[in-house]
Amino acid sequence: MFEEAANEETVETGWGNVASYDGAPAVIDTLLRLDAETTYTKTELSDEAGVPLKTLYLDGTLEHLVEIGFLEKHEVEGDEALFGVATETDVFRAAAAFDEAVSARLAEEE
């Protein structure tokens, strides 16, 4: 069973778990396209994903994405943590495979 999400309801599916964090889908979409060799601040991830930093901070989206395997938290530079894309996790690989499958399906329909 997944941990309780930001809205404090028990979530029973992976999709539901991600969707319970308002900014998570946009951040995950962004992570699939970012350079895996680069680290990013919360502000940079917020800007890249188009999700207000306040949203990511208040509901703990980035910390949750670390817990489930989309992000890796790196050394702290001053007061701001750095994050890297966790490309070697099963969760990230599954998201990338889903992204590729949907993109291929959409290309077939054109």
PDB file of N, CA and C in Angstrom:
ATOM      1  N   MET A   1       0.856  -1.177   0.000  1.00  0.00           N
ATOM      2  CA  MET A   1       0.000   0.000   0.000  1.00  0.00           C
ATOM      3  C   MET A   1       0.895   1.231   0.000  1.00  0.00           C
ATOM      4  N   PHE A   2       0.515   2.239  -0.764  1.00  0.00           N
ATOM      5  CA  PHE A   2       1.276   3.474  -0.829  1.00  0.00           C
ATOM      6  C   PHE A   2       1.011   4.302   0.411  1.00  0.00           C
ATOM      7  N   GLU A   3       1.981   5.165   0.716  1.00  0.00           N
ATOM      8  CA  GLU A   3       1.811   6.074   1.829  1.00  0.00           C
ATOM      9  C   GLU A   3       0.645   7.003   1.584  1.00  0.00           C
ATOM     10  N   GLU A   4       0.170   7.614   2.642  1.00  0.00           N
ATOM     11  CA  GLU A   4      -0.918   8.556   2.470  1.00  0.00           C
ATOM     12  C   GLU A   4      -0.420   9.765   1.713  1.00  0.00           C
ATOM     13  N   ALA A   5      -1.220  10.255   0.805  1.00  0.00           N
ATOM     14  CA  ALA A   5      -0.859  11.378  -0.042  1.00  0.00           C
ATOM     15  C   ALA A   5      -1.132  12.703   0.662  1.00  0.00           C
ATOM     16  N   ALA A   6      -0.827  13.773  -0.042  1.00  0.00           N
ATOM     17  CA  ALA A   6      -0.959  15.113   0.520  1.00  0.00           C
ATOM     18  C   ALA A   6      -2.371  15.407   1.005  1.00  0.00           C
ATOM     19  N   ASN A   7      -3.363  14.836   0.362  1.00  0.00           N
ATOM     20  CA  ASN A   7      -4.740  15.111   0.768  1.00  0.00           C
ATOM     21  C   ASN A   7      -5.201  14.190   1.896  1.00  0.00           C
ATOM     22  N   GLU A   8      -4.301  13.412   2.441  1.00  0.00           N
ATOM     23  CA  GLU A   8      -4.518  12.537   3.592  1.00  0.00           C
ATOM     24  C   GLU A   8      -5.524  11.419   3.361  1.00  0.00           C
ATOM     25  N   GLU A   9      -5.842  11.136   2.124  1.00  0.00           N
ATOM     26  CA  GLU A   9      -6.680   9.987   1.816  1.00  0.00           C
ATOM     27  C   GLU A   9      -5.761   8.840   1.415  1.00  0.00           C
ATOM     28  N   THR A  10      -6.149   7.624   1.714  1.00  0.00           N
ATOM     29  CA  THR A  10      -5.352   6.485   1.318  1.00  0.00           C
ATOM     30  C   THR A  10      -5.530   6.261  -0.174  1.00  0.00           C
ATOM     31  N   VAL A  11      -4.411   6.151  -0.881  1.00  0.00           N
ATOM     32  CA  VAL A  11      -4.422   5.965  -2.323  1.00  0.00           C
ATOM     33  C   VAL A  11      -3.974   4.542  -2.602  1.00  0.00           C
ATOM     34  N   GLU A  12      -4.721   3.842  -3.439  1.00  0.00           N
ATOM     35  CA  GLU A  12      -4.446   2.427  -3.654  1.00  0.00           C
ATOM     36  C   GLU A  12      -3.762   2.095  -4.970  1.00  0.00           C
ATOM     37  N   THR A  13      -3.613   3.060  -5.867  1.00  0.00           N
ATOM     38  CA  THR A  13      -2.959   2.782  -7.140  1.00  0.00           C
ATOM     39  C   THR A  13      -1.788   3.734  -7.344  1.00  0.00           C
ATOM     40  N   GLY A  14      -0.866   3.333  -8.206  1.00  0.00           N
ATOM     41  CA  GLY A  14       0.262   4.196  -8.540  1.00  0.00           C
ATOM     42  C   GLY A  14      -0.189   5.485  -9.183  1.00  0.00           C
ATOM     43  N   TRP A  15      -1.135   5.388 -10.131  1.00  0.00           N
ATOM     44  CA  TRP A  15      -1.643   6.585 -10.799  1.00  0.00           C
ATOM     45  C   TRP A  15      -2.314   7.508  -9.794  1.00  0.00           C
ATOM     46  N   GLY A  16      -3.115   6.948  -8.924  1.00  0.00           N
ATOM     47  CA  GLY A  16      -3.798   7.751  -7.921  1.00  0.00           C
ATOM     48  C   GLY A  16      -2.826   8.418  -6.973  1.00  0.00           C
ATOM     49  N   ASN A  17      -1.767   7.718  -6.638  1.00  0.00           N
ATOM     50  CA  ASN A  17      -0.755   8.265  -5.754  1.00  0.00           C
ATOM     51  C   ASN A  17      -0.100   9.489  -6.379  1.00  0.00           C
ATOM     52  N   VAL A  18       0.287   9.383  -7.639  1.00  0.00           N
ATOM     53  CA  VAL A  18       0.911  10.511  -8.336  1.00  0.00           C
ATOM     54  C   VAL A  18      -0.088  11.646  -8.497  1.00  0.00           C
ATOM     55  N   ALA A  19      -1.305  11.332  -8.904  1.00  0.00           N
ATOM     56  CA  ALA A  19      -2.317  12.355  -9.166  1.00  0.00           C
ATOM     57  C   ALA A  19      -2.751  13.097  -7.908  1.00  0.00           C
ATOM     58  N   SER A  20      -2.511  12.531  -6.737  1.00  0.00           N
ATOM     59  CA  SER A  20      -2.910  13.191  -5.510  1.00  0.00           C
ATOM     60  C   SER A  20      -2.027  14.401  -5.192  1.00  0.00           C
ATOM     61  N   TYR A  21      -0.942  14.566  -5.909  1.00  0.00           N
ATOM     62  CA  TYR A  21      -0.069  15.734  -5.789  1.00  0.00           C
ATOM     63  C   TYR A  21      -0.283  16.578  -7.041  1.00  0.00           C
ATOM     64  N   ASP A  22      -0.870  17.756  -6.891  1.00  0.00           N
ATOM     65  CA  ASP A  22      -1.280  18.573  -8.031  1.00  0.00           C
ATOM     66  C   ASP A  22      -0.196  18.779  -9.079  1.00  0.00           C
ATOM     67  N   GLY A  23       1.018  19.043  -8.666  1.00  0.00           N
ATOM     68  CA  GLY A  23       2.078  19.340  -9.623  1.00  0.00           C
ATOM     69  C   GLY A  23       2.834  18.133 -10.126  1.00  0.00           C
ATOM     70  N   ALA A  24       2.606  16.962  -9.560  1.00  0.00           N
ATOM     71  CA  ALA A  24       3.410  15.780  -9.892  1.00  0.00           C
ATOM     72  C   ALA A  24       3.347  15.384 -11.368  1.00  0.00           C
ATOM     73  N   PRO A  25       2.176  15.329 -12.004  1.00  0.00           N
ATOM     74  CA  PRO A  25       2.162  14.938 -13.417  1.00  0.00           C
ATOM     75  C   PRO A  25       3.023  15.854 -14.296  1.00  0.00           C
ATOM     76  N   ALA A  26       2.951  17.159 -14.074  1.00  0.00           N
ATOM     77  CA  ALA A  26       3.753  18.094 -14.865  1.00  0.00           C
ATOM     78  C   ALA A  26       5.239  17.930 -14.570  1.00  0.00           C
ATOM     79  N   VAL A  27       5.589  17.682 -13.317  1.00  0.00           N
ATOM     80  CA  VAL A  27       6.998  17.487 -12.969  1.00  0.00           C
ATOM     81  C   VAL A  27       7.509  16.195 -13.594  1.00  0.00           C
ATOM     82  N   ILE A  28       6.754  15.124 -13.518  1.00  0.00           N
ATOM     83  CA  ILE A  28       7.175  13.852 -14.114  1.00  0.00           C
ATOM     84  C   ILE A  28       7.358  14.004 -15.619  1.00  0.00           C
ATOM     85  N   ASP A  29       6.422  14.683 -16.280  1.00  0.00           N
ATOM     86  CA  ASP A  29       6.551  14.940 -17.710  1.00  0.00           C
ATOM     87  C   ASP A  29       7.855  15.682 -17.998  1.00  0.00           C
ATOM     88  N   THR A  30       8.188  16.637 -17.164  1.00  0.00           N
ATOM     89  CA  THR A  30       9.420  17.401 -17.323  1.00  0.00           C
ATOM     90  C   THR A  30      10.648  16.525 -17.084  1.00  0.00           C
ATOM     91  N   LEU A  31      10.594  15.680 -16.062  1.00  0.00           N
ATOM     92  CA  LEU A  31      11.740  14.821 -15.746  1.00  0.00           C
ATOM     93  C   LEU A  31      12.083  13.884 -16.899  1.00  0.00           C
ATOM     94  N   LEU A  32      11.075  13.481 -17.654  1.00  0.00           N
ATOM     95  CA  LEU A  32      11.311  12.590 -18.794  1.00  0.00           C
ATOM     96  C   LEU A  32      12.117  13.280 -19.896  1.00  0.00           C
ATOM     97  N   ARG A  33      12.186  14.608 -19.859  1.00  0.00           N
ATOM     98  CA  ARG A  33      12.859  15.363 -20.908  1.00  0.00           C
ATOM     99  C   ARG A  33      14.121  16.087 -20.448  1.00  0.00           C
ATOM    100  N   LEU A  34      14.360  16.141 -19.147  1.00  0.00           N
ATOM    101  CA  LEU A  34      15.532  16.846 -18.625  1.00  0.00           C
ATOM    102  C   LEU A  34      16.812  16.036 -18.804  1.00  0.00           C
ATOM    103  N   ASP A  35      17.931  16.730 -18.773  1.00  0.00           N
ATOM    104  CA  ASP A  35      19.249  16.098 -18.850  1.00  0.00           C
ATOM    105  C   ASP A  35      19.510  15.342 -17.543  1.00  0.00           C
ATOM    106  N   ALA A  36      19.689  14.058 -17.644  1.00  0.00           N
ATOM    107  CA  ALA A  36      19.890  13.216 -16.462  1.00  0.00           C
ATOM    108  C   ALA A  36      21.251  13.446 -15.805  1.00  0.00           C
ATOM    109  N   GLU A  37      22.159  14.104 -16.492  1.00  0.00           N
ATOM    110  CA  GLU A  37      23.495  14.359 -15.946  1.00  0.00           C
ATOM    111  C   GLU A  37      23.566  15.677 -15.169  1.00  0.00           C
ATOM    112  N   THR A  38      22.483  16.409 -15.130  1.00  0.00           N
ATOM    113  CA  THR A  38      22.453  17.723 -14.495  1.00  0.00           C
ATOM    114  C   THR A  38      21.643  17.648 -13.211  1.00  0.00           C
ATOM    115  N   THR A  39      22.007  18.461 -12.229  1.00  0.00           N
ATOM    116  CA  THR A  39      21.195  18.596 -11.022  1.00  0.00           C
ATOM    117  C   THR A  39      20.432  19.912 -11.093  1.00  0.00           C
ATOM    118  N   TYR A  40      19.299  19.944 -10.412  1.00  0.00           N
ATOM    119  CA  TYR A  40      18.391  21.079 -10.491  1.00  0.00           C
ATOM    120  C   TYR A  40      17.949  21.498  -9.097  1.00  0.00           C
ATOM    121  N   THR A  41      17.733  22.783  -8.919  1.00  0.00           N
ATOM    122  CA  THR A  41      17.163  23.288  -7.672  1.00  0.00           C
ATOM    123  C   THR A  41      15.644  23.141  -7.734  1.00  0.00           C
ATOM    124  N   LYS A  42      14.999  23.335  -6.603  1.00  0.00           N
ATOM    125  CA  LYS A  42      13.529  23.312  -6.585  1.00  0.00           C
ATOM    126  C   LYS A  42      12.977  24.382  -7.519  1.00  0.00           C
ATOM    127  N   THR A  43      13.607  25.533  -7.506  1.00  0.00           N
ATOM    128  CA  THR A  43      13.151  26.630  -8.365  1.00  0.00           C
ATOM    129  C   THR A  43      13.282  26.266  -9.830  1.00  0.00           C
ATOM    130  N   GLU A  44      14.399  25.661 -10.205  1.00  0.00           N
ATOM    131  CA  GLU A  44      14.587  25.264 -11.604  1.00  0.00           C
ATOM    132  C   GLU A  44      13.565  24.203 -12.024  1.00  0.00           C
ATOM    133  N   LEU A  45      13.302  23.233 -11.160  1.00  0.00           N
ATOM    134  CA  LEU A  45      12.295  22.217 -11.476  1.00  0.00           C
ATOM    135  C   LEU A  45      10.913  22.852 -11.600  1.00  0.00           C
ATOM    136  N   SER A  46      10.616  23.775 -10.710  1.00  0.00           N
ATOM    137  CA  SER A  46       9.346  24.492 -10.761  1.00  0.00           C
ATOM    138  C   SER A  46       9.200  25.235 -12.084  1.00  0.00           C
ATOM    139  N   ASP A  47      10.233  25.961 -12.464  1.00  0.00           N
ATOM    140  CA  ASP A  47      10.201  26.725 -13.715  1.00  0.00           C
ATOM    141  C   ASP A  47      10.073  25.812 -14.927  1.00  0.00           C
ATOM    142  N   GLU A  48      10.849  24.740 -14.963  1.00  0.00           N
ATOM    143  CA  GLU A  48      10.824  23.816 -16.098  1.00  0.00           C
ATOM    144  C   GLU A  48       9.461  23.147 -16.248  1.00  0.00           C
ATOM    145  N   ALA A  49       8.841  22.814 -15.119  1.00  0.00           N
ATOM    146  CA  ALA A  49       7.552  22.112 -15.145  1.00  0.00           C
ATOM    147  C   ALA A  49       6.360  23.068 -15.270  1.00  0.00           C
ATOM    148  N   GLY A  50       6.605  24.344 -15.034  1.00  0.00           N
ATOM    149  CA  GLY A  50       5.501  25.295 -15.078  1.00  0.00           C
ATOM    150  C   GLY A  50       4.551  25.154 -13.904  1.00  0.00           C
ATOM    151  N   VAL A  51       5.092  24.693 -12.786  1.00  0.00           N
ATOM    152  CA  VAL A  51       4.289  24.520 -11.569  1.00  0.00           C
ATOM    153  C   VAL A  51       4.829  25.501 -10.532  1.00  0.00           C
ATOM    154  N   PRO A  52       3.954  26.287  -9.915  1.00  0.00           N
ATOM    155  CA  PRO A  52       4.443  27.243  -8.918  1.00  0.00           C
ATOM    156  C   PRO A  52       5.250  26.550  -7.815  1.00  0.00           C
ATOM    157  N   LEU A  53       6.357  27.176  -7.457  1.00  0.00           N
ATOM    158  CA  LEU A  53       7.212  26.639  -6.400  1.00  0.00           C
ATOM    159  C   LEU A  53       6.424  26.448  -5.110  1.00  0.00           C
ATOM    160  N   LYS A  54       5.527  27.361  -4.836  1.00  0.00           N
ATOM    161  CA  LYS A  54       4.704  27.268  -3.627  1.00  0.00           C
ATOM    162  C   LYS A  54       3.906  25.963  -3.611  1.00  0.00           C
ATOM    163  N   THR A  55       3.369  25.568  -4.768  1.00  0.00           N
ATOM    164  CA  THR A  55       2.612  24.319  -4.867  1.00  0.00           C
ATOM    165  C   THR A  55       3.509  23.125  -4.560  1.00  0.00           C
ATOM    166  N   LEU A  56       4.693  23.111  -5.157  1.00  0.00           N
ATOM    167  CA  LEU A  56       5.618  21.995  -4.934  1.00  0.00           C
ATOM    168  C   LEU A  56       6.069  21.927  -3.480  1.00  0.00           C
ATOM    169  N   TYR A  57       6.242  23.080  -2.882  1.00  0.00           N
ATOM    170  CA  TYR A  57       6.706  23.145  -1.501  1.00  0.00           C
ATOM    171  C   TYR A  57       5.609  22.755  -0.515  1.00  0.00           C
ATOM    172  N   LEU A  58       4.427  23.345  -0.673  1.00  0.00           N
ATOM    173  CA  LEU A  58       3.361  23.137   0.308  1.00  0.00           C
ATOM    174  C   LEU A  58       2.863  21.704   0.373  1.00  0.00           C
ATOM    175  N   ASP A  59       2.762  21.033  -0.784  1.00  0.00           N
ATOM    176  CA  ASP A  59       2.242  19.664  -0.709  1.00  0.00           C
ATOM    177  C   ASP A  59       3.342  18.607  -0.721  1.00  0.00           C
ATOM    178  N   GLY A  60       4.605  19.022  -0.754  1.00  0.00           N
ATOM    179  CA  GLY A  60       5.710  18.072  -0.667  1.00  0.00           C
ATOM    180  C   GLY A  60       5.916  17.241  -1.923  1.00  0.00           C
ATOM    181  N   THR A  61       5.556  17.785  -3.070  1.00  0.00           N
ATOM    182  CA  THR A  61       5.639  17.035  -4.328  1.00  0.00           C
ATOM    183  C   THR A  61       7.042  16.508  -4.602  1.00  0.00           C
ATOM    184  N   LEU A  62       8.041  17.362  -4.524  1.00  0.00           N
ATOM    185  CA  LEU A  62       9.394  16.921  -4.870  1.00  0.00           C
ATOM    186  C   LEU A  62       9.910  15.868  -3.899  1.00  0.00           C
ATOM    187  N   GLU A  63       9.628  16.063  -2.617  1.00  0.00           N
ATOM    188  CA  GLU A  63      10.054  15.056  -1.635  1.00  0.00           C
ATOM    189  C   GLU A  63       9.361  13.717  -1.910  1.00  0.00           C
ATOM    190  N   HIS A  64       8.094  13.784  -2.287  1.00  0.00           N
ATOM    191  CA  HIS A  64       7.363  12.557  -2.604  1.00  0.00           C
ATOM    192  C   HIS A  64       7.959  11.876  -3.841  1.00  0.00           C
ATOM    193  N   LEU A  65       8.334  12.671  -4.842  1.00  0.00           N
ATOM    194  CA  LEU A  65       8.942  12.092  -6.048  1.00  0.00           C
ATOM    195  C   LEU A  65      10.310  11.490  -5.757  1.00  0.00           C
ATOM    196  N   VAL A  66      10.983  11.976  -4.723  1.00  0.00           N
ATOM    197  CA  VAL A  66      12.225  11.330  -4.261  1.00  0.00           C
ATOM    198  C   VAL A  66      11.877   9.979  -3.640  1.00  0.00           C
ATOM    199  N   GLU A  67      10.868   9.971  -2.779  1.00  0.00           N
ATOM    200  CA  GLU A  67      10.473   8.742  -2.076  1.00  0.00           C
ATOM    201  C   GLU A  67      10.058   7.627  -3.032  1.00  0.00           C
ATOM    202  N   ILE A  68       9.338   7.973  -4.104  1.00  0.00           N
ATOM    203  CA  ILE A  68       8.846   6.919  -4.990  1.00  0.00           C
ATOM    204  C   ILE A  68       9.789   6.602  -6.142  1.00  0.00           C
ATOM    205  N   GLY A  69      10.877   7.382  -6.303  1.00  0.00           N
ATOM    206  CA  GLY A  69      11.911   6.995  -7.246  1.00  0.00           C
ATOM    207  C   GLY A  69      12.008   7.763  -8.548  1.00  0.00           C
ATOM    208  N   PHE A  70      11.443   8.958  -8.632  1.00  0.00           N
ATOM    209  CA  PHE A  70      11.605   9.773  -9.828  1.00  0.00           C
ATOM    210  C   PHE A  70      12.785  10.718  -9.718  1.00  0.00           C
ATOM    211  N   LEU A  71      13.098  11.135  -8.511  1.00  0.00           N
ATOM    212  CA  LEU A  71      14.172  12.085  -8.266  1.00  0.00           C
ATOM    213  C   LEU A  71      15.160  11.532  -7.257  1.00  0.00           C
ATOM    214  N   GLU A  72      16.389  12.022  -7.340  1.00  0.00           N
ATOM    215  CA  GLU A  72      17.412  11.750  -6.336  1.00  0.00           C
ATOM    216  C   GLU A  72      17.768  13.079  -5.704  1.00  0.00           C
ATOM    217  N   LYS A  73      17.817  13.119  -4.385  1.00  0.00           N
ATOM    218  CA  LYS A  73      18.188  14.344  -3.686  1.00  0.00           C
ATOM    219  C   LYS A  73      19.696  14.316  -3.483  1.00  0.00           C
ATOM    220  N   HIS A  74      20.358  15.396  -3.872  1.00  0.00           N
ATOM    221  CA  HIS A  74      21.813  15.490  -3.792  1.00  0.00           C
ATOM    222  C   HIS A  74      22.242  16.466  -2.709  1.00  0.00           C
ATOM    223  N   GLU A  75      23.539  16.640  -2.631  1.00  0.00           N
ATOM    224  CA  GLU A  75      24.136  17.524  -1.632  1.00  0.00           C
ATOM    225  C   GLU A  75      23.385  18.846  -1.534  1.00  0.00           C
ATOM    226  N   VAL A  76      23.451  19.424  -0.367  1.00  0.00           N
ATOM    227  CA  VAL A  76      22.812  20.707  -0.145  1.00  0.00           C
ATOM    228  C   VAL A  76      23.843  21.796  -0.398  1.00  0.00           C
ATOM    229  N   GLU A  77      23.477  22.735  -1.244  1.00  0.00           N
ATOM    230  CA  GLU A  77      24.350  23.859  -1.565  1.00  0.00           C
ATOM    231  C   GLU A  77      23.764  25.080  -0.877  1.00  0.00           C
ATOM    232  N   GLY A  78      24.371  25.513   0.208  1.00  0.00           N
ATOM    233  CA  GLY A  78      23.757  26.576   1.006  1.00  0.00           C
ATOM    234  C   GLY A  78      22.516  26.024   1.658  1.00  0.00           C
ATOM    235  N   ASP A  79      21.392  26.651   1.428  1.00  0.00           N
ATOM    236  CA  ASP A  79      20.128  26.182   1.992  1.00  0.00           C
ATOM    237  C   ASP A  79      19.274  25.437   0.984  1.00  0.00           C
ATOM    238  N   GLU A  80      19.728  25.347  -0.257  1.00  0.00           N
ATOM    239  CA  GLU A  80      18.875  24.764  -1.296  1.00  0.00           C
ATOM    240  C   GLU A  80      19.392  23.390  -1.739  1.00  0.00           C
ATOM    241  N   ALA A  81      18.533  22.400  -1.630  1.00  0.00           N
ATOM    242  CA  ALA A  81      18.881  21.042  -2.065  1.00  0.00           C
ATOM    243  C   ALA A  81      18.918  20.984  -3.589  1.00  0.00           C
ATOM    244  N   LEU A  82      19.688  20.055  -4.105  1.00  0.00           N
ATOM    245  CA  LEU A  82      19.744  19.817  -5.542  1.00  0.00           C
ATOM    246  C   LEU A  82      19.124  18.456  -5.827  1.00  0.00           C
ATOM    247  N   PHE A  83      18.488  18.338  -6.979  1.00  0.00           N
ATOM    248  CA  PHE A  83      17.809  17.112  -7.371  1.00  0.00           C
ATOM    249  C   PHE A  83      18.300  16.656  -8.732  1.00  0.00           C
ATOM    250  N   GLY A  84      18.417  15.344  -8.887  1.00  0.00           N
ATOM    251  CA  GLY A  84      18.747  14.752 -10.170  1.00  0.00           C
ATOM    252  C   GLY A  84      17.648  13.795 -10.587  1.00  0.00           C
ATOM    253  N   VAL A  85      17.575  13.544 -11.878  1.00  0.00           N
ATOM    254  CA  VAL A  85      16.582  12.624 -12.408  1.00  0.00           C
ATOM    255  C   VAL A  85      17.052  11.197 -12.117  1.00  0.00           C
ATOM    256  N   ALA A  86      16.207  10.390 -11.514  1.00  0.00           N
ATOM    257  CA  ALA A  86      16.543   9.013 -11.113  1.00  0.00           C
ATOM    258  C   ALA A  86      16.228   8.049 -12.258  1.00  0.00           C
ATOM    259  N   THR A  87      17.023   8.101 -13.315  1.00  0.00           N
ATOM    260  CA  THR A  87      16.735   7.329 -14.525  1.00  0.00           C
ATOM    261  C   THR A  87      16.906   5.826 -14.368  1.00  0.00           C
ATOM    262  N   GLU A  88      17.561   5.375 -13.319  1.00  0.00           N
ATOM    263  CA  GLU A  88      17.831   3.949 -13.153  1.00  0.00           C
ATOM    264  C   GLU A  88      16.801   3.220 -12.299  1.00  0.00           C
ATOM    265  N   THR A  89      15.734   3.891 -11.911  1.00  0.00           N
ATOM    266  CA  THR A  89      14.723   3.234 -11.079  1.00  0.00           C
ATOM    267  C   THR A  89      13.637   2.599 -11.937  1.00  0.00           C
ATOM    268  N   ASP A  90      12.995   1.585 -11.397  1.00  0.00           N
ATOM    269  CA  ASP A  90      11.878   0.942 -12.100  1.00  0.00           C
ATOM    270  C   ASP A  90      10.743   1.929 -12.364  1.00  0.00           C
ATOM    271  N   VAL A  91      10.496   2.824 -11.425  1.00  0.00           N
ATOM    272  CA  VAL A  91       9.414   3.800 -11.571  1.00  0.00           C
ATOM    273  C   VAL A  91       9.695   4.729 -12.741  1.00  0.00           C
ATOM    274  N   PHE A  92      10.908   5.236 -12.830  1.00  0.00           N
ATOM    275  CA  PHE A  92      11.240   6.137 -13.936  1.00  0.00           C
ATOM    276  C   PHE A  92      11.173   5.392 -15.266  1.00  0.00           C
ATOM    277  N   ARG A  93      11.724   4.188 -15.311  1.00  0.00           N
ATOM    278  CA  ARG A  93      11.704   3.415 -16.562  1.00  0.00           C
ATOM    279  C   ARG A  93      10.275   3.104 -16.990  1.00  0.00           C
ATOM    280  N   ALA A  94       9.409   2.809 -16.039  1.00  0.00           N
ATOM    281  CA  ALA A  94       8.002   2.550 -16.373  1.00  0.00           C
ATOM    282  C   ALA A  94       7.330   3.810 -16.925  1.00  0.00           C
ATOM    283  N   ALA A  95       7.623   4.959 -16.333  1.00  0.00           N
ATOM    284  CA  ALA A  95       7.059   6.216 -16.831  1.00  0.00           C
ATOM    285  C   ALA A  95       7.573   6.523 -18.230  1.00  0.00           C
ATOM    286  N   ALA A  96       8.850   6.269 -18.480  1.00  0.00           N
ATOM    287  CA  ALA A  96       9.425   6.499 -19.807  1.00  0.00           C
ATOM    288  C   ALA A  96       8.799   5.554 -20.835  1.00  0.00           C
ATOM    289  N   ALA A  97       8.579   4.300 -20.458  1.00  0.00           N
ATOM    290  CA  ALA A  97       7.951   3.331 -21.365  1.00  0.00           C
ATOM    291  C   ALA A  97       6.513   3.743 -21.669  1.00  0.00           C
ATOM    292  N   PHE A  98       5.787   4.199 -20.653  1.00  0.00           N
ATOM    293  CA  PHE A  98       4.423   4.675 -20.852  1.00  0.00           C
ATOM    294  C   PHE A  98       4.416   5.865 -21.801  1.00  0.00           C
ATOM    295  N   ASP A  99       5.322   6.803 -21.597  1.00  0.00           N
ATOM    296  CA  ASP A  99       5.431   7.984 -22.446  1.00  0.00           C
ATOM    297  C   ASP A  99       5.688   7.587 -23.900  1.00  0.00           C
ATOM    298  N   GLU A 100       6.599   6.658 -24.096  1.00  0.00           N
ATOM    299  CA  GLU A 100       6.909   6.188 -25.451  1.00  0.00           C
ATOM    300  C   GLU A 100       5.718   5.485 -26.089  1.00  0.00           C
ATOM    301  N   ALA A 101       5.021   4.663 -25.314  1.00  0.00           N
ATOM    302  CA  ALA A 101       3.866   3.931 -25.839  1.00  0.00           C
ATOM    303  C   ALA A 101       2.739   4.880 -26.258  1.00  0.00           C
ATOM    304  N   VAL A 102       2.471   5.879 -25.428  1.00  0.00           N
ATOM    305  CA  VAL A 102       1.423   6.847 -25.770  1.00  0.00           C
ATOM    306  C   VAL A 102       1.833   7.653 -26.988  1.00  0.00           C
ATOM    307  N   SER A 103       3.083   8.087 -27.034  1.00  0.00           N
ATOM    308  CA  SER A 103       3.566   8.859 -28.179  1.00  0.00           C
ATOM    309  C   SER A 103       3.467   8.052 -29.466  1.00  0.00           C
ATOM    310  N   ALA A 104       3.818   6.768 -29.403  1.00  0.00           N
ATOM    311  CA  ALA A 104       3.728   5.903 -30.590  1.00  0.00           C
ATOM    312  C   ALA A 104       2.272   5.734 -31.018  1.00  0.00           C
ATOM    313  N   ARG A 105       1.385   5.567 -30.065  1.00  0.00           N
ATOM    314  CA  ARG A 105      -0.031   5.404 -30.371  1.00  0.00           C
ATOM    315  C   ARG A 105      -0.591   6.672 -31.020  1.00  0.00           C
ATOM    316  N   LEU A 106      -0.232   7.813 -30.496  1.00  0.00           N
ATOM    317  CA  LEU A 106      -0.692   9.085 -31.064  1.00  0.00           C
ATOM    318  C   LEU A 106      -0.144   9.288 -32.476  1.00  0.00           C
ATOM    319  N   ALA A 107       1.092   8.859 -32.707  1.00  0.00           N
ATOM    320  CA  ALA A 107       1.694   8.981 -34.039  1.00  0.00           C
ATOM    321  C   ALA A 107       0.964   8.091 -35.046  1.00  0.00           C
ATOM    322  N   GLU A 108       0.493   6.929 -34.591  1.00  0.00           N
ATOM    323  CA  GLU A 108      -0.261   6.022 -35.466  1.00  0.00           C
ATOM    324  C   GLU A 108      -1.568   6.652 -35.919  1.00  0.00           C
ATOM    325  N   GLU A 109      -2.170   7.448 -35.045  1.00  0.00           N
ATOM    326  CA  GLU A 109      -3.477   8.038 -35.336  1.00  0.00           C
ATOM    327  C   GLU A 109      -3.378   9.225 -36.289  1.00  0.00           C
ATOM    328  N   GLU A 110      -2.198   9.771 -36.470  1.00  0.00           N
ATOM    329  CA  GLU A 110      -2.046  10.942 -37.364  1.00  0.00           C
ATOM    330  C   GLU A 110      -2.070  10.565 -38.806  1.00  0.00           C
TER     331      GLU A 110
END
